[in-house]
Amino acid sequence: MTVADIRNNPVIAYEDDCVTRLIQDDVNETAYNQIKNWSISELREYVLSDETSVDDIAFTRKGLTSEVVAAVAKICSNADLIYGAKKMPGNQKGQYHHWYSGHLQRPFAAK
């Protein structure tokens, strides 16, 4: 199954869902055209490759839909997901987000 197969067959039809339209319309066609013929397994190997830079991934991400990302995640092990995520810097917000001495700490709450 290729990236194009998944993009061209969304779970919910483009005409029926505004979220699908938003996702599809936001895909960078230049990035997409470089990877559309890759299998999902090839995309996984690309993300996990030591030769793939953070900048390469940042560009490639713009050519993906959430369904393609989900397909790659589905064939990854937990270790693959952790390794791949380390190559994708970004703001990660959440209630528990401060690391200190290897322990997850809850942010100070206003009293």
C-alpha atoms as a PDB file:
ATOM      1  CA  MET A   1       0.000   0.000   0.000  1.00  0.00           C
ATOM      2  CA  THR A   2       1.403   3.390  -0.974  1.00  0.00           C
ATOM      3  CA  VAL A   3       1.082   6.852   0.501  1.00  0.00           C
ATOM      4  CA  ALA A   4      -1.062   7.775  -2.530  1.00  0.00           C
ATOM      5  CA  ASP A   5      -3.401   4.811  -1.942  1.00  0.00           C
ATOM      6  CA  ILE A   6      -4.171   6.046   1.552  1.00  0.00           C
ATOM      7  CA  ARG A   7      -4.484   9.711   0.594  1.00  0.00           C
ATOM      8  CA  ASN A   8      -6.780   8.921  -2.326  1.00  0.00           C
ATOM      9  CA  ASN A   9      -9.058   6.728  -0.190  1.00  0.00           C
ATOM     10  CA  PRO A  10      -9.741   8.595   3.057  1.00  0.00           C
ATOM     11  CA  VAL A  11     -11.878   6.956   5.721  1.00  0.00           C
ATOM     12  CA  ILE A  12     -14.496   9.688   5.303  1.00  0.00           C
ATOM     13  CA  ALA A  13     -15.014  11.129   1.822  1.00  0.00           C
ATOM     14  CA  TYR A  14     -13.682  14.617   1.085  1.00  0.00           C
ATOM     15  CA  GLU A  15     -17.154  15.766   0.063  1.00  0.00           C
ATOM     16  CA  ASP A  16     -18.744  14.559   3.316  1.00  0.00           C
ATOM     17  CA  ASP A  17     -16.395  15.890   5.979  1.00  0.00           C
ATOM     18  CA  CYS A  18     -14.951  19.325   6.652  1.00  0.00           C
ATOM     19  CA  VAL A  19     -12.037  17.894   8.692  1.00  0.00           C
ATOM     20  CA  THR A  20     -11.017  15.633   5.796  1.00  0.00           C
ATOM     21  CA  ARG A  21     -11.201  18.639   3.464  1.00  0.00           C
ATOM     22  CA  LEU A  22      -9.048  20.722   5.808  1.00  0.00           C
ATOM     23  CA  ILE A  23      -6.411  17.973   6.092  1.00  0.00           C
ATOM     24  CA  GLN A  24      -6.353  17.236   2.354  1.00  0.00           C
ATOM     25  CA  ASP A  25      -6.238  20.916   1.386  1.00  0.00           C
ATOM     26  CA  ASP A  26      -3.330  21.538   3.770  1.00  0.00           C
ATOM     27  CA  VAL A  27      -1.035  18.899   2.199  1.00  0.00           C
ATOM     28  CA  ASN A  28       2.068  20.397   0.571  1.00  0.00           C
ATOM     29  CA  GLU A  29       1.895  18.983  -2.957  1.00  0.00           C
ATOM     30  CA  THR A  30       5.655  19.318  -3.562  1.00  0.00           C
ATOM     31  CA  ALA A  31       6.436  17.210  -0.495  1.00  0.00           C
ATOM     32  CA  TYR A  32       3.608  14.787  -1.284  1.00  0.00           C
ATOM     33  CA  ASN A  33       4.781  14.236  -4.868  1.00  0.00           C
ATOM     34  CA  GLN A  34       8.202  13.149  -3.590  1.00  0.00           C
ATOM     35  CA  ILE A  35       6.732  10.378  -1.434  1.00  0.00           C
ATOM     36  CA  LYS A  36       3.389   9.451  -2.988  1.00  0.00           C
ATOM     37  CA  ASN A  37       4.729   6.242  -4.553  1.00  0.00           C
ATOM     38  CA  TRP A  38       6.475   5.043  -1.384  1.00  0.00           C
ATOM     39  CA  SER A  39       5.010   2.133   0.493  1.00  0.00           C
ATOM     40  CA  ILE A  40       4.073   2.739   4.120  1.00  0.00           C
ATOM     41  CA  SER A  41       6.988   0.495   5.067  1.00  0.00           C
ATOM     42  CA  GLU A  42       9.387   2.620   2.993  1.00  0.00           C
ATOM     43  CA  LEU A  43       8.117   5.751   4.733  1.00  0.00           C
ATOM     44  CA  ARG A  44       8.696   4.091   8.106  1.00  0.00           C
ATOM     45  CA  GLU A  45      12.262   3.164   7.111  1.00  0.00           C
ATOM     46  CA  TYR A  46      12.856   6.732   5.918  1.00  0.00           C
ATOM     47  CA  VAL A  47      11.754   8.200   9.244  1.00  0.00           C
ATOM     48  CA  LEU A  48      13.895   5.750  11.214  1.00  0.00           C
ATOM     49  CA  SER A  49      16.975   6.051   8.982  1.00  0.00           C
ATOM     50  CA  ASP A  50      20.074   7.636  10.527  1.00  0.00           C
ATOM     51  CA  GLU A  51      20.623   9.355   7.166  1.00  0.00           C
ATOM     52  CA  THR A  52      17.315  11.246   7.401  1.00  0.00           C
ATOM     53  CA  SER A  53      17.792  14.656   8.997  1.00  0.00           C
ATOM     54  CA  VAL A  54      15.381  16.656  11.117  1.00  0.00           C
ATOM     55  CA  ASP A  55      15.002  19.061   8.177  1.00  0.00           C
ATOM     56  CA  ASP A  56      14.195  16.170   5.815  1.00  0.00           C
ATOM     57  CA  ILE A  57      11.464  14.978   8.158  1.00  0.00           C
ATOM     58  CA  ALA A  58      10.132  18.513   8.675  1.00  0.00           C
ATOM     59  CA  PHE A  59       9.669  18.862   4.906  1.00  0.00           C
ATOM     60  CA  THR A  60       8.224  15.370   4.406  1.00  0.00           C
ATOM     61  CA  ARG A  61       5.676  15.882   7.212  1.00  0.00           C
ATOM     62  CA  LYS A  62       4.039  18.610   5.150  1.00  0.00           C
ATOM     63  CA  GLY A  63       3.151  16.034   2.489  1.00  0.00           C
ATOM     64  CA  LEU A  64       1.358  13.631   4.818  1.00  0.00           C
ATOM     65  CA  THR A  65      -2.228  13.259   5.919  1.00  0.00           C
ATOM     66  CA  SER A  66      -3.112  12.072   9.405  1.00  0.00           C
ATOM     67  CA  GLU A  67      -4.249   8.735   7.939  1.00  0.00           C
ATOM     68  CA  VAL A  68      -0.784   8.158   6.427  1.00  0.00           C
ATOM     69  CA  VAL A  69       0.844   9.021   9.752  1.00  0.00           C
ATOM     70  CA  ALA A  70      -1.501   6.571  11.489  1.00  0.00           C
ATOM     71  CA  ALA A  71      -0.590   3.830   8.996  1.00  0.00           C
ATOM     72  CA  VAL A  72       3.122   4.317   9.686  1.00  0.00           C
ATOM     73  CA  ALA A  73       2.523   4.345  13.448  1.00  0.00           C
ATOM     74  CA  LYS A  74       0.520   1.118  13.150  1.00  0.00           C
ATOM     75  CA  ILE A  75       3.525  -0.800  11.787  1.00  0.00           C
ATOM     76  CA  CYS A  76       6.030   0.670  14.265  1.00  0.00           C
ATOM     77  CA  SER A  77       7.141  -0.932  17.498  1.00  0.00           C
ATOM     78  CA  ASN A  78       7.127   1.158  20.677  1.00  0.00           C
ATOM     79  CA  ALA A  79      10.902   1.581  20.300  1.00  0.00           C
ATOM     80  CA  ASP A  80      10.412   2.778  16.700  1.00  0.00           C
ATOM     81  CA  LEU A  81       7.850   5.350  17.837  1.00  0.00           C
ATOM     82  CA  ILE A  82      10.159   6.685  20.533  1.00  0.00           C
ATOM     83  CA  TYR A  83      13.162   6.852  18.189  1.00  0.00           C
ATOM     84  CA  GLY A  84      11.153   8.534  15.433  1.00  0.00           C
ATOM     85  CA  ALA A  85       9.616  11.057  17.827  1.00  0.00           C
ATOM     86  CA  LYS A  86      13.072  12.145  18.971  1.00  0.00           C
ATOM     87  CA  LYS A  87      13.755  13.196  15.389  1.00  0.00           C
ATOM     88  CA  MET A  88      10.663  15.433  15.329  1.00  0.00           C
ATOM     89  CA  PRO A  89      11.159  18.347  17.696  1.00  0.00           C
ATOM     90  CA  GLY A  90       8.162  20.411  18.617  1.00  0.00           C
ATOM     91  CA  ASN A  91       6.206  21.880  21.450  1.00  0.00           C
ATOM     92  CA  GLN A  92       4.673  19.148  23.531  1.00  0.00           C
ATOM     93  CA  LYS A  93       2.195  20.557  25.993  1.00  0.00           C
ATOM     94  CA  GLY A  94       0.450  18.749  28.759  1.00  0.00           C
ATOM     95  CA  GLN A  95      -0.329  18.806  32.423  1.00  0.00           C
ATOM     96  CA  TYR A  96       2.775  16.774  33.216  1.00  0.00           C
ATOM     97  CA  HIS A  97       5.650  18.214  31.258  1.00  0.00           C
ATOM     98  CA  HIS A  98       8.558  19.150  33.532  1.00  0.00           C
ATOM     99  CA  TRP A  99      11.449  16.709  33.815  1.00  0.00           C
ATOM    100  CA  TYR A 100      13.757  16.870  36.791  1.00  0.00           C
ATOM    101  CA  SER A 101      16.253  14.200  37.814  1.00  0.00           C
ATOM    102  CA  GLY A 102      14.564  11.677  35.553  1.00  0.00           C
ATOM    103  CA  HIS A 103      11.134  12.091  37.159  1.00  0.00           C
ATOM    104  CA  LEU A 104       8.023  13.539  35.633  1.00  0.00           C
ATOM    105  CA  GLN A 105       6.888  16.433  37.783  1.00  0.00           C
ATOM    106  CA  ARG A 106       3.544  18.157  37.939  1.00  0.00           C
ATOM    107  CA  PRO A 107       3.789  21.920  37.297  1.00  0.00           C
ATOM    108  CA  PHE A 108       3.220  24.186  40.273  1.00  0.00           C
ATOM    109  CA  ALA A 109      -0.436  25.075  40.624  1.00  0.00           C
ATOM    110  CA  ALA A 110      -1.565  28.560  41.565  1.00  0.00           C
ATOM    111  CA  LYS A 111      -3.199  28.694  44.972  1.00  0.00           C
END
